[in-house]
Amino acid sequence: MKELKVGLVQQSCSDDREGNIARSLCGIREAAAKGARLVVLQELHCGLYFCQTEDTACFDQAEPIPGPVTEIFGALAQELGIVIVASLFEKRAPGLYHNTAVVLESNGRIAGTYRKMHIPDDPGYYEKFYFTPGDLGFNPIDTSVGRLGVLVCWDQWYPEAARLMAMAGAEMLIYPTAIGYDPRDDQDEQTRQREAWITIQRSHAVANGIPVISVNRVGFEADPSGTSAGARFWGNSFVAGCQGELMTVAANDQEQVLVVGIDRQRSEDVRRIWPYLRDRRIDAYGDLLRRYRD
């Protein structure tokens, strides 16, 4: 399979869980109808981005893996014969929760999971209240469409995560995401934030010679506590090729389903002329294991 068609489902979310799931399912079907064999959903696509506030009632939204949502999306993966990357609020045990990506194989079974490793704790993104840092490491997930380097949102800012996935043989990096502006930010600040987000991920594609697939949510979500102006998620889901070239980009203000073909040979071709893995000075990188060099 020289070309892999990949689908991206960018959607807005409400407090109607069943409605959110239905829109995700509809988007997956649309992508598959356009030839996608791998479809990626955004971070926590079953509901609102609840981490704008700290509220213990939100833990009721979590569910086990396997569980009801993996059954729903697994059944669709099997029906369509595709691979789906979903994103769930995982209840691992009482009082122990993760932000987890689940890869569903074309036979409906769970091919693997990834628990978000980097957990933010910033205004509007109080994730440390909800999520325990992942403990599965940076290990790609083998599927019928290739070895997938699945990471989640805040992980996308860390070149170490991308590198470790690439070093373990990931053929592409996949980032389900929920990121947006503070609506009070002026236009210049909004542009700087969005462009930084795109640039850092394109750099992972360049530095590792593999494609990057990033799927973000879109639309305004109010702060339930009323203490902030809420979040306006900026969409702009995209696929970048092995040299950072943008292959497709979604709008910043509407739901959208994109499908793009990825040439699976390009990683080999690009790495032959830009052999970063060959030239890494692994003998000189020991200080990367330190928090900071004083």
C-alpha atoms as a PDB file:
ATOM      1  CA  MET A   1       0.000   0.000   0.000  1.00  0.00           C
ATOM      2  CA  LYS A   2       1.973   2.948  -1.347  1.00  0.00           C
ATOM      3  CA  GLU A   3      -0.638   5.581  -0.467  1.00  0.00           C
ATOM      4  CA  LEU A   4      -2.645   5.734   2.736  1.00  0.00           C
ATOM      5  CA  LYS A   5      -5.749   7.900   2.746  1.00  0.00           C
ATOM      6  CA  VAL A   6      -6.255   9.550   6.131  1.00  0.00           C
ATOM      7  CA  GLY A   7      -9.444  11.207   7.384  1.00  0.00           C
ATOM      8  CA  LEU A   8      -9.626  14.041   9.932  1.00  0.00           C
ATOM      9  CA  VAL A   9     -12.897  14.787  11.726  1.00  0.00           C
ATOM     10  CA  GLN A  10     -12.942  18.319  13.130  1.00  0.00           C
ATOM     11  CA  GLN A  11     -16.096  19.029  15.124  1.00  0.00           C
ATOM     12  CA  SER A  12     -17.639  21.266  17.731  1.00  0.00           C
ATOM     13  CA  CYS A  13     -18.992  19.748  20.942  1.00  0.00           C
ATOM     14  CA  SER A  14     -21.910  20.427  23.269  1.00  0.00           C
ATOM     15  CA  ASP A  15     -23.195  18.962  26.522  1.00  0.00           C
ATOM     16  CA  ASP A  16     -25.230  16.460  24.466  1.00  0.00           C
ATOM     17  CA  ARG A  17     -22.978  13.409  24.706  1.00  0.00           C
ATOM     18  CA  GLU A  18     -25.059  11.270  22.375  1.00  0.00           C
ATOM     19  CA  GLY A  19     -25.185  14.081  19.844  1.00  0.00           C
ATOM     20  CA  ASN A  20     -21.397  14.502  19.960  1.00  0.00           C
ATOM     21  CA  ILE A  21     -20.873  10.787  19.411  1.00  0.00           C
ATOM     22  CA  ALA A  22     -23.368  10.798  16.549  1.00  0.00           C
ATOM     23  CA  ARG A  23     -21.483  13.640  14.812  1.00  0.00           C
ATOM     24  CA  SER A  24     -18.204  11.782  15.236  1.00  0.00           C
ATOM     25  CA  LEU A  25     -19.724   8.653  13.729  1.00  0.00           C
ATOM     26  CA  CYS A  26     -21.164  10.661  10.853  1.00  0.00           C
ATOM     27  CA  GLY A  27     -17.770  12.270  10.206  1.00  0.00           C
ATOM     28  CA  ILE A  28     -16.053   8.892  10.197  1.00  0.00           C
ATOM     29  CA  ARG A  29     -18.559   7.556   7.675  1.00  0.00           C
ATOM     30  CA  GLU A  30     -18.025  10.584   5.455  1.00  0.00           C
ATOM     31  CA  ALA A  31     -14.247  10.154   5.571  1.00  0.00           C
ATOM     32  CA  ALA A  32     -14.509   6.432   4.830  1.00  0.00           C
ATOM     33  CA  ALA A  33     -16.830   7.139   1.895  1.00  0.00           C
ATOM     34  CA  LYS A  34     -14.044   9.348   0.495  1.00  0.00           C
ATOM     35  CA  GLY A  35     -11.581   6.478   0.747  1.00  0.00           C
ATOM     36  CA  ALA A  36     -10.002   6.993   4.181  1.00  0.00           C
ATOM     37  CA  ARG A  37      -8.566   3.847   5.738  1.00  0.00           C
ATOM     38  CA  LEU A  38      -7.403   5.670   8.884  1.00  0.00           C
ATOM     39  CA  VAL A  39      -9.676   8.221  10.582  1.00  0.00           C
ATOM     40  CA  VAL A  40      -8.565  10.426  13.478  1.00  0.00           C
ATOM     41  CA  LEU A  41     -10.881  12.187  15.942  1.00  0.00           C
ATOM     42  CA  GLN A  42     -10.082  15.158  18.175  1.00  0.00           C
ATOM     43  CA  GLU A  43      -9.246  15.085  21.876  1.00  0.00           C
ATOM     44  CA  LEU A  44     -12.159  14.210  24.219  1.00  0.00           C
ATOM     45  CA  HIS A  45     -14.648  14.290  21.356  1.00  0.00           C
ATOM     46  CA  CYS A  46     -17.535  12.832  23.368  1.00  0.00           C
ATOM     47  CA  GLY A  47     -18.199  16.022  25.312  1.00  0.00           C
ATOM     48  CA  LEU A  48     -17.292  19.561  26.197  1.00  0.00           C
ATOM     49  CA  TYR A  49     -13.730  20.366  27.209  1.00  0.00           C
ATOM     50  CA  PHE A  50     -14.512  20.202  30.940  1.00  0.00           C
ATOM     51  CA  CYS A  51     -11.000  21.152  32.111  1.00  0.00           C
ATOM     52  CA  GLN A  52     -11.781  24.877  32.051  1.00  0.00           C
ATOM     53  CA  THR A  53     -12.766  24.416  35.719  1.00  0.00           C
ATOM     54  CA  GLU A  54     -12.117  21.993  38.571  1.00  0.00           C
ATOM     55  CA  ASP A  55     -15.321  20.108  39.363  1.00  0.00           C
ATOM     56  CA  THR A  56     -15.441  16.623  40.867  1.00  0.00           C
ATOM     57  CA  ALA A  57     -18.796  15.990  39.181  1.00  0.00           C
ATOM     58  CA  CYS A  58     -16.945  15.823  35.850  1.00  0.00           C
ATOM     59  CA  PHE A  59     -15.385  12.516  36.870  1.00  0.00           C
ATOM     60  CA  ASP A  60     -18.796  10.972  36.177  1.00  0.00           C
ATOM     61  CA  GLN A  61     -18.018  11.400  32.467  1.00  0.00           C
ATOM     62  CA  ALA A  62     -15.116   8.946  32.603  1.00  0.00           C
ATOM     63  CA  GLU A  63     -15.479   5.332  31.523  1.00  0.00           C
ATOM     64  CA  PRO A  64     -13.365   2.178  31.445  1.00  0.00           C
ATOM     65  CA  ILE A  65     -11.441   0.872  28.447  1.00  0.00           C
ATOM     66  CA  PRO A  66     -12.816  -1.327  26.992  1.00  0.00           C
ATOM     67  CA  GLY A  67     -16.197   0.244  27.592  1.00  0.00           C
ATOM     68  CA  PRO A  68     -19.332   1.635  25.906  1.00  0.00           C
ATOM     69  CA  VAL A  69     -17.572   4.126  23.630  1.00  0.00           C
ATOM     70  CA  THR A  70     -14.882   1.719  22.455  1.00  0.00           C
ATOM     71  CA  GLU A  71     -17.667  -0.747  21.634  1.00  0.00           C
ATOM     72  CA  ILE A  72     -19.483   1.874  19.537  1.00  0.00           C
ATOM     73  CA  PHE A  73     -16.427   2.999  17.601  1.00  0.00           C
ATOM     74  CA  GLY A  74     -15.024  -0.509  17.374  1.00  0.00           C
ATOM     75  CA  ALA A  75     -18.231  -1.703  15.756  1.00  0.00           C
ATOM     76  CA  LEU A  76     -18.006   1.079  13.177  1.00  0.00           C
ATOM     77  CA  ALA A  77     -14.333   0.336  12.497  1.00  0.00           C
ATOM     78  CA  GLN A  78     -15.264  -3.275  11.802  1.00  0.00           C
ATOM     79  CA  GLU A  79     -18.262  -2.343   9.662  1.00  0.00           C
ATOM     80  CA  LEU A  80     -16.222   0.017   7.477  1.00  0.00           C
ATOM     81  CA  GLY A  81     -12.972  -1.970   7.589  1.00  0.00           C
ATOM     82  CA  ILE A  82     -10.944   1.031   8.749  1.00  0.00           C
ATOM     83  CA  VAL A  83      -8.710   2.036  11.664  1.00  0.00           C
ATOM     84  CA  ILE A  84     -10.040   4.730  14.028  1.00  0.00           C
ATOM     85  CA  VAL A  85      -8.132   6.832  16.562  1.00  0.00           C
ATOM     86  CA  ALA A  86     -10.527   7.907  19.335  1.00  0.00           C
ATOM     87  CA  SER A  87      -9.949   9.936  22.510  1.00  0.00           C
ATOM     88  CA  LEU A  88     -11.519   9.157  25.876  1.00  0.00           C
ATOM     89  CA  PHE A  89     -11.627  10.214  29.520  1.00  0.00           C
ATOM     90  CA  GLU A  90     -10.507   6.889  30.968  1.00  0.00           C
ATOM     91  CA  LYS A  91     -11.566   5.623  34.381  1.00  0.00           C
ATOM     92  CA  ARG A  92      -8.841   3.182  35.311  1.00  0.00           C
ATOM     93  CA  ALA A  93      -9.851   2.724  38.961  1.00  0.00           C
ATOM     94  CA  PRO A  94     -11.711   4.738  41.592  1.00  0.00           C
ATOM     95  CA  GLY A  95      -9.834   8.045  41.852  1.00  0.00           C
ATOM     96  CA  LEU A  96      -7.476   7.159  38.984  1.00  0.00           C
ATOM     97  CA  TYR A  97      -8.197   8.694  35.598  1.00  0.00           C
ATOM     98  CA  HIS A  98      -6.321   9.286  32.343  1.00  0.00           C
ATOM     99  CA  ASN A  99      -6.658  11.227  29.112  1.00  0.00           C
ATOM    100  CA  THR A 100      -6.352   8.287  26.742  1.00  0.00           C
ATOM    101  CA  ALA A 101      -6.235   7.747  22.991  1.00  0.00           C
ATOM    102  CA  VAL A 102      -7.557   4.412  21.769  1.00  0.00           C
ATOM    103  CA  VAL A 103      -6.730   2.857  18.401  1.00  0.00           C
ATOM    104  CA  LEU A 104      -9.453   0.600  17.035  1.00  0.00           C
ATOM    105  CA  GLU A 105      -8.392  -1.908  14.415  1.00  0.00           C
ATOM    106  CA  SER A 106     -10.408  -2.686  11.276  1.00  0.00           C
ATOM    107  CA  ASN A 107     -11.694  -5.869  12.915  1.00  0.00           C
ATOM    108  CA  GLY A 108     -13.226  -3.801  15.729  1.00  0.00           C
ATOM    109  CA  ARG A 109     -10.692  -4.777  18.364  1.00  0.00           C
ATOM    110  CA  ILE A 110      -8.515  -2.408  20.394  1.00  0.00           C
ATOM    111  CA  ALA A 111      -5.092  -2.354  18.746  1.00  0.00           C
ATOM    112  CA  GLY A 112      -3.577  -0.300  21.560  1.00  0.00           C
ATOM    113  CA  THR A 113      -3.883   2.700  23.844  1.00  0.00           C
ATOM    114  CA  TYR A 114      -1.797   5.735  24.677  1.00  0.00           C
ATOM    115  CA  ARG A 115      -2.178   7.697  27.920  1.00  0.00           C
ATOM    116  CA  LYS A 116      -1.337  11.378  27.652  1.00  0.00           C
ATOM    117  CA  MET A 117       2.097  11.907  29.204  1.00  0.00           C
ATOM    118  CA  HIS A 118       2.382  15.699  29.500  1.00  0.00           C
ATOM    119  CA  ILE A 119      -0.449  17.158  31.573  1.00  0.00           C
ATOM    120  CA  PRO A 120      -0.944  20.948  31.592  1.00  0.00           C
ATOM    121  CA  ASP A 121      -2.155  23.046  34.508  1.00  0.00           C
ATOM    122  CA  ASP A 122      -2.803  26.514  33.163  1.00  0.00           C
ATOM    123  CA  PRO A 123      -5.729  28.968  33.161  1.00  0.00           C
ATOM    124  CA  GLY A 124      -8.515  27.284  31.250  1.00  0.00           C
ATOM    125  CA  TYR A 125      -6.611  23.987  31.048  1.00  0.00           C
ATOM    126  CA  TYR A 126      -6.725  22.533  34.560  1.00  0.00           C
ATOM    127  CA  GLU A 127      -5.939  19.010  33.459  1.00  0.00           C
ATOM    128  CA  LYS A 128      -3.803  17.984  36.420  1.00  0.00           C
ATOM    129  CA  PHE A 129      -6.978  18.005  38.519  1.00  0.00           C
ATOM    130  CA  TYR A 130      -8.436  15.281  36.316  1.00  0.00           C
ATOM    131  CA  PHE A 131      -5.696  13.285  34.643  1.00  0.00           C
ATOM    132  CA  THR A 132      -2.901  11.147  36.028  1.00  0.00           C
ATOM    133  CA  PRO A 133       0.174  11.346  33.769  1.00  0.00           C
ATOM    134  CA  GLY A 134       0.445   8.423  31.398  1.00  0.00           C
ATOM    135  CA  ASP A 135       2.480   5.359  32.303  1.00  0.00           C
ATOM    136  CA  LEU A 136       2.588   3.520  28.977  1.00  0.00           C
ATOM    137  CA  GLY A 137       5.544   5.445  27.593  1.00  0.00           C
ATOM    138  CA  PHE A 138       6.090   6.549  24.011  1.00  0.00           C
ATOM    139  CA  ASN A 139       5.364   3.344  22.150  1.00  0.00           C
ATOM    140  CA  PRO A 140       3.842   3.211  18.655  1.00  0.00           C
ATOM    141  CA  ILE A 141       0.769   1.083  18.036  1.00  0.00           C
ATOM    142  CA  ASP A 142       0.919  -1.495  15.254  1.00  0.00           C
ATOM    143  CA  THR A 143      -2.135  -1.601  12.990  1.00  0.00           C
ATOM    144  CA  SER A 144      -3.150  -2.842   9.554  1.00  0.00           C
ATOM    145  CA  VAL A 145      -2.398   0.650   8.160  1.00  0.00           C
ATOM    146  CA  GLY A 146       1.012   1.025   9.754  1.00  0.00           C
ATOM    147  CA  ARG A 147       2.789   1.787  13.009  1.00  0.00           C
ATOM    148  CA  LEU A 148       1.070   4.805  14.559  1.00  0.00           C
ATOM    149  CA  GLY A 149       2.843   7.198  16.918  1.00  0.00           C
ATOM    150  CA  VAL A 150      -0.191   8.431  18.849  1.00  0.00           C
ATOM    151  CA  LEU A 151       0.272  11.344  21.257  1.00  0.00           C
ATOM    152  CA  VAL A 152      -2.265  13.804  22.725  1.00  0.00           C
ATOM    153  CA  CYS A 153      -2.485  17.625  22.635  1.00  0.00           C
ATOM    154  CA  TRP A 154       0.035  19.069  25.140  1.00  0.00           C
ATOM    155  CA  ASP A 155       2.434  16.310  24.080  1.00  0.00           C
ATOM    156  CA  GLN A 156       2.688  18.086  20.728  1.00  0.00           C
ATOM    157  CA  TRP A 157       4.879  20.833  22.174  1.00  0.00           C
ATOM    158  CA  TYR A 158       7.614  18.404  23.237  1.00  0.00           C
ATOM    159  CA  PRO A 159      10.192  17.337  20.629  1.00  0.00           C
ATOM    160  CA  GLU A 160      11.338  14.575  22.990  1.00  0.00           C
ATOM    161  CA  ALA A 161       7.979  12.803  22.679  1.00  0.00           C
ATOM    162  CA  ALA A 162       7.994  13.001  18.892  1.00  0.00           C
ATOM    163  CA  ARG A 163      11.599  11.805  18.723  1.00  0.00           C
ATOM    164  CA  LEU A 164      11.034   8.826  20.993  1.00  0.00           C
ATOM    165  CA  MET A 165       8.034   7.741  18.928  1.00  0.00           C
ATOM    166  CA  ALA A 166      10.102   8.053  15.749  1.00  0.00           C
ATOM    167  CA  MET A 167      12.988   6.143  17.323  1.00  0.00           C
ATOM    168  CA  ALA A 168      10.563   3.321  18.124  1.00  0.00           C
ATOM    169  CA  GLY A 169       9.579   3.053  14.470  1.00  0.00           C
ATOM    170  CA  ALA A 170       6.455   5.228  14.269  1.00  0.00           C
ATOM    171  CA  GLU A 171       5.546   5.800  10.621  1.00  0.00           C
ATOM    172  CA  MET A 172       3.485   8.900  11.427  1.00  0.00           C
ATOM    173  CA  LEU A 173       2.694  11.097  14.428  1.00  0.00           C
ATOM    174  CA  ILE A 174      -0.957  11.598  15.390  1.00  0.00           C
ATOM    175  CA  TYR A 175      -2.176  14.308  17.771  1.00  0.00           C
ATOM    176  CA  PRO A 176      -5.823  14.434  18.888  1.00  0.00           C
ATOM    177  CA  THR A 177      -6.075  17.984  20.229  1.00  0.00           C
ATOM    178  CA  ALA A 178      -8.231  20.524  22.096  1.00  0.00           C
ATOM    179  CA  ILE A 179      -6.631  23.958  21.952  1.00  0.00           C
ATOM    180  CA  GLY A 180      -8.065  27.419  21.563  1.00  0.00           C
ATOM    181  CA  TYR A 181      -7.826  31.116  22.297  1.00  0.00           C
ATOM    182  CA  ASP A 182      -8.934  33.136  25.239  1.00  0.00           C
ATOM    183  CA  PRO A 183     -11.585  35.237  23.413  1.00  0.00           C
ATOM    184  CA  ARG A 184     -10.180  38.341  25.118  1.00  0.00           C
ATOM    185  CA  ASP A 185      -6.859  37.978  23.276  1.00  0.00           C
ATOM    186  CA  ASP A 186      -6.398  40.429  20.423  1.00  0.00           C
ATOM    187  CA  GLN A 187      -6.081  39.236  16.837  1.00  0.00           C
ATOM    188  CA  ASP A 188      -2.288  39.408  16.788  1.00  0.00           C
ATOM    189  CA  GLU A 189      -1.991  37.250  19.904  1.00  0.00           C
ATOM    190  CA  GLN A 190      -4.466  34.732  18.509  1.00  0.00           C
ATOM    191  CA  THR A 191      -2.459  34.509  15.307  1.00  0.00           C
ATOM    192  CA  ARG A 192       0.831  34.052  17.184  1.00  0.00           C
ATOM    193  CA  GLN A 193      -0.598  31.219  19.277  1.00  0.00           C
ATOM    194  CA  ARG A 194      -2.154  29.407  16.329  1.00  0.00           C
ATOM    195  CA  GLU A 195       0.947  29.743  14.166  1.00  0.00           C
ATOM    196  CA  ALA A 196       3.195  28.530  17.006  1.00  0.00           C
ATOM    197  CA  TRP A 197       0.967  25.461  17.355  1.00  0.00           C
ATOM    198  CA  ILE A 198       1.209  24.673  13.651  1.00  0.00           C
ATOM    199  CA  THR A 199       4.942  25.409  13.454  1.00  0.00           C
ATOM    200  CA  ILE A 200       6.024  23.179  16.342  1.00  0.00           C
ATOM    201  CA  GLN A 201       4.195  20.204  14.869  1.00  0.00           C
ATOM    202  CA  ARG A 202       5.514  20.804  11.366  1.00  0.00           C
ATOM    203  CA  SER A 203       8.986  20.846  12.934  1.00  0.00           C
ATOM    204  CA  HIS A 204       8.380  17.352  14.340  1.00  0.00           C
ATOM    205  CA  ALA A 205       7.628  16.164  10.817  1.00  0.00           C
ATOM    206  CA  VAL A 206      10.847  17.735   9.523  1.00  0.00           C
ATOM    207  CA  ALA A 207      13.106  16.583  12.367  1.00  0.00           C
ATOM    208  CA  ASN A 208      11.875  13.004  12.172  1.00  0.00           C
ATOM    209  CA  GLY A 209      11.068  12.624   8.486  1.00  0.00           C
ATOM    210  CA  ILE A 210       7.521  11.378   9.063  1.00  0.00           C
ATOM    211  CA  PRO A 211       4.043  12.846   8.503  1.00  0.00           C
ATOM    212  CA  VAL A 212       2.124  14.582  11.277  1.00  0.00           C
ATOM    213  CA  ILE A 213      -1.670  14.395  11.640  1.00  0.00           C
ATOM    214  CA  SER A 214      -3.219  16.904  14.050  1.00  0.00           C
ATOM    215  CA  VAL A 215      -6.974  17.070  14.690  1.00  0.00           C
ATOM    216  CA  ASN A 216      -8.352  19.933  16.786  1.00  0.00           C
ATOM    217  CA  ARG A 217     -11.868  20.775  17.939  1.00  0.00           C
ATOM    218  CA  VAL A 218     -13.586  23.951  16.816  1.00  0.00           C
ATOM    219  CA  GLY A 219     -16.097  26.435  18.204  1.00  0.00           C
ATOM    220  CA  PHE A 220     -16.776  28.378  21.400  1.00  0.00           C
ATOM    221  CA  GLU A 221     -17.241  26.660  24.766  1.00  0.00           C
ATOM    222  CA  ALA A 222     -18.258  28.736  27.773  1.00  0.00           C
ATOM    223  CA  ASP A 223     -16.559  28.494  31.161  1.00  0.00           C
ATOM    224  CA  PRO A 224     -19.173  26.782  33.393  1.00  0.00           C
ATOM    225  CA  SER A 225     -17.940  28.741  36.416  1.00  0.00           C
ATOM    226  CA  GLY A 226     -18.337  32.078  34.641  1.00  0.00           C
ATOM    227  CA  THR A 227     -14.948  33.253  35.919  1.00  0.00           C
ATOM    228  CA  SER A 228     -13.319  33.443  32.488  1.00  0.00           C
ATOM    229  CA  ALA A 229     -14.366  34.306  28.957  1.00  0.00           C
ATOM    230  CA  GLY A 230     -14.411  30.644  27.928  1.00  0.00           C
ATOM    231  CA  ALA A 231     -12.434  29.095  25.094  1.00  0.00           C
ATOM    232  CA  ARG A 232     -12.707  29.485  21.346  1.00  0.00           C
ATOM    233  CA  PHE A 233     -11.134  26.399  19.828  1.00  0.00           C
ATOM    234  CA  TRP A 234      -9.354  27.331  16.623  1.00  0.00           C
ATOM    235  CA  GLY A 235      -9.761  24.206  14.494  1.00  0.00           C
ATOM    236  CA  ASN A 236      -7.101  24.333  11.748  1.00  0.00           C
ATOM    237  CA  SER A 237      -6.702  20.551  11.835  1.00  0.00           C
ATOM    238  CA  PHE A 238      -3.975  19.610   9.372  1.00  0.00           C
ATOM    239  CA  VAL A 239      -1.632  17.053   7.892  1.00  0.00           C
ATOM    240  CA  ALA A 240       2.027  17.905   7.336  1.00  0.00           C
ATOM    241  CA  GLY A 241       4.304  15.841   5.122  1.00  0.00           C
ATOM    242  CA  CYS A 242       7.805  14.571   5.866  1.00  0.00           C
ATOM    243  CA  GLN A 243       9.421  17.930   5.085  1.00  0.00           C
ATOM    244  CA  GLY A 244       6.826  19.918   6.980  1.00  0.00           C
ATOM    245  CA  GLU A 245       4.770  20.751   3.894  1.00  0.00           C
ATOM    246  CA  LEU A 246       1.098  21.374   4.650  1.00  0.00           C
ATOM    247  CA  MET A 247      -0.955  18.822   2.744  1.00  0.00           C
ATOM    248  CA  THR A 248      -4.388  19.849   3.988  1.00  0.00           C
ATOM    249  CA  VAL A 249      -5.686  22.394   6.514  1.00  0.00           C
ATOM    250  CA  ALA A 250      -9.191  22.757   7.932  1.00  0.00           C
ATOM    251  CA  ALA A 251     -11.006  26.011   8.610  1.00  0.00           C
ATOM    252  CA  ASN A 252     -10.698  27.790  11.959  1.00  0.00           C
ATOM    253  CA  ASP A 253     -14.414  28.363  12.455  1.00  0.00           C
ATOM    254  CA  GLN A 254     -16.424  25.379  11.251  1.00  0.00           C
ATOM    255  CA  GLU A 255     -16.816  21.631  11.441  1.00  0.00           C
ATOM    256  CA  GLN A 256     -15.065  19.835   8.623  1.00  0.00           C
ATOM    257  CA  VAL A 257     -14.078  16.380   7.405  1.00  0.00           C
ATOM    258  CA  LEU A 258     -10.834  16.207   5.452  1.00  0.00           C
ATOM    259  CA  VAL A 259      -9.296  13.297   3.563  1.00  0.00           C
ATOM    260  CA  VAL A 260      -5.750  13.341   2.191  1.00  0.00           C
ATOM    261  CA  GLY A 261      -3.433  10.736   0.727  1.00  0.00           C
ATOM    262  CA  ILE A 262      -0.060  10.115   2.393  1.00  0.00           C
ATOM    263  CA  ASP A 263       2.743   8.639   0.293  1.00  0.00           C
ATOM    264  CA  ARG A 264       4.217   5.933   2.502  1.00  0.00           C
ATOM    265  CA  GLN A 265       7.505   5.862   0.538  1.00  0.00           C
ATOM    266  CA  ARG A 266       8.357   9.500   1.226  1.00  0.00           C
ATOM    267  CA  SER A 267       9.746   8.881   4.714  1.00  0.00           C
ATOM    268  CA  GLU A 268      12.343   6.550   3.264  1.00  0.00           C
ATOM    269  CA  ASP A 269      13.180   8.963   0.456  1.00  0.00           C
ATOM    270  CA  VAL A 270      13.431  12.020   2.719  1.00  0.00           C
ATOM    271  CA  ARG A 271      15.477  10.288   5.393  1.00  0.00           C
ATOM    272  CA  ARG A 272      18.045   9.301   2.781  1.00  0.00           C
ATOM    273  CA  ILE A 273      18.785  12.946   1.989  1.00  0.00           C
ATOM    274  CA  TRP A 274      18.186  14.348   5.496  1.00  0.00           C
ATOM    275  CA  PRO A 275      19.593  11.562   7.745  1.00  0.00           C
ATOM    276  CA  TYR A 276      18.978  13.181  11.124  1.00  0.00           C
ATOM    277  CA  LEU A 277      18.733   9.846  12.922  1.00  0.00           C
ATOM    278  CA  ARG A 278      22.145   8.847  11.564  1.00  0.00           C
ATOM    279  CA  ASP A 279      23.860  12.032  12.689  1.00  0.00           C
ATOM    280  CA  ARG A 280      22.434  12.351  16.192  1.00  0.00           C
ATOM    281  CA  ARG A 281      25.198  12.729  18.813  1.00  0.00           C
ATOM    282  CA  ILE A 282      23.704  10.310  21.310  1.00  0.00           C
ATOM    283  CA  ASP A 283      26.992  10.315  23.224  1.00  0.00           C
ATOM    284  CA  ALA A 284      26.547  14.024  24.033  1.00  0.00           C
ATOM    285  CA  TYR A 285      22.869  14.228  25.023  1.00  0.00           C
ATOM    286  CA  GLY A 286      23.062  12.982  28.605  1.00  0.00           C
ATOM    287  CA  ASP A 287      22.026  16.341  30.059  1.00  0.00           C
ATOM    288  CA  LEU A 288      18.601  15.979  28.448  1.00  0.00           C
ATOM    289  CA  LEU A 289      17.756  13.785  31.418  1.00  0.00           C
ATOM    290  CA  ARG A 290      18.149  16.795  33.720  1.00  0.00           C
ATOM    291  CA  ARG A 291      15.394  19.303  34.463  1.00  0.00           C
ATOM    292  CA  TYR A 292      17.697  22.252  33.837  1.00  0.00           C
ATOM    293  CA  ARG A 293      21.411  22.982  33.521  1.00  0.00           C
ATOM    294  CA  ASP A 294      22.423  25.464  36.232  1.00  0.00           C
END
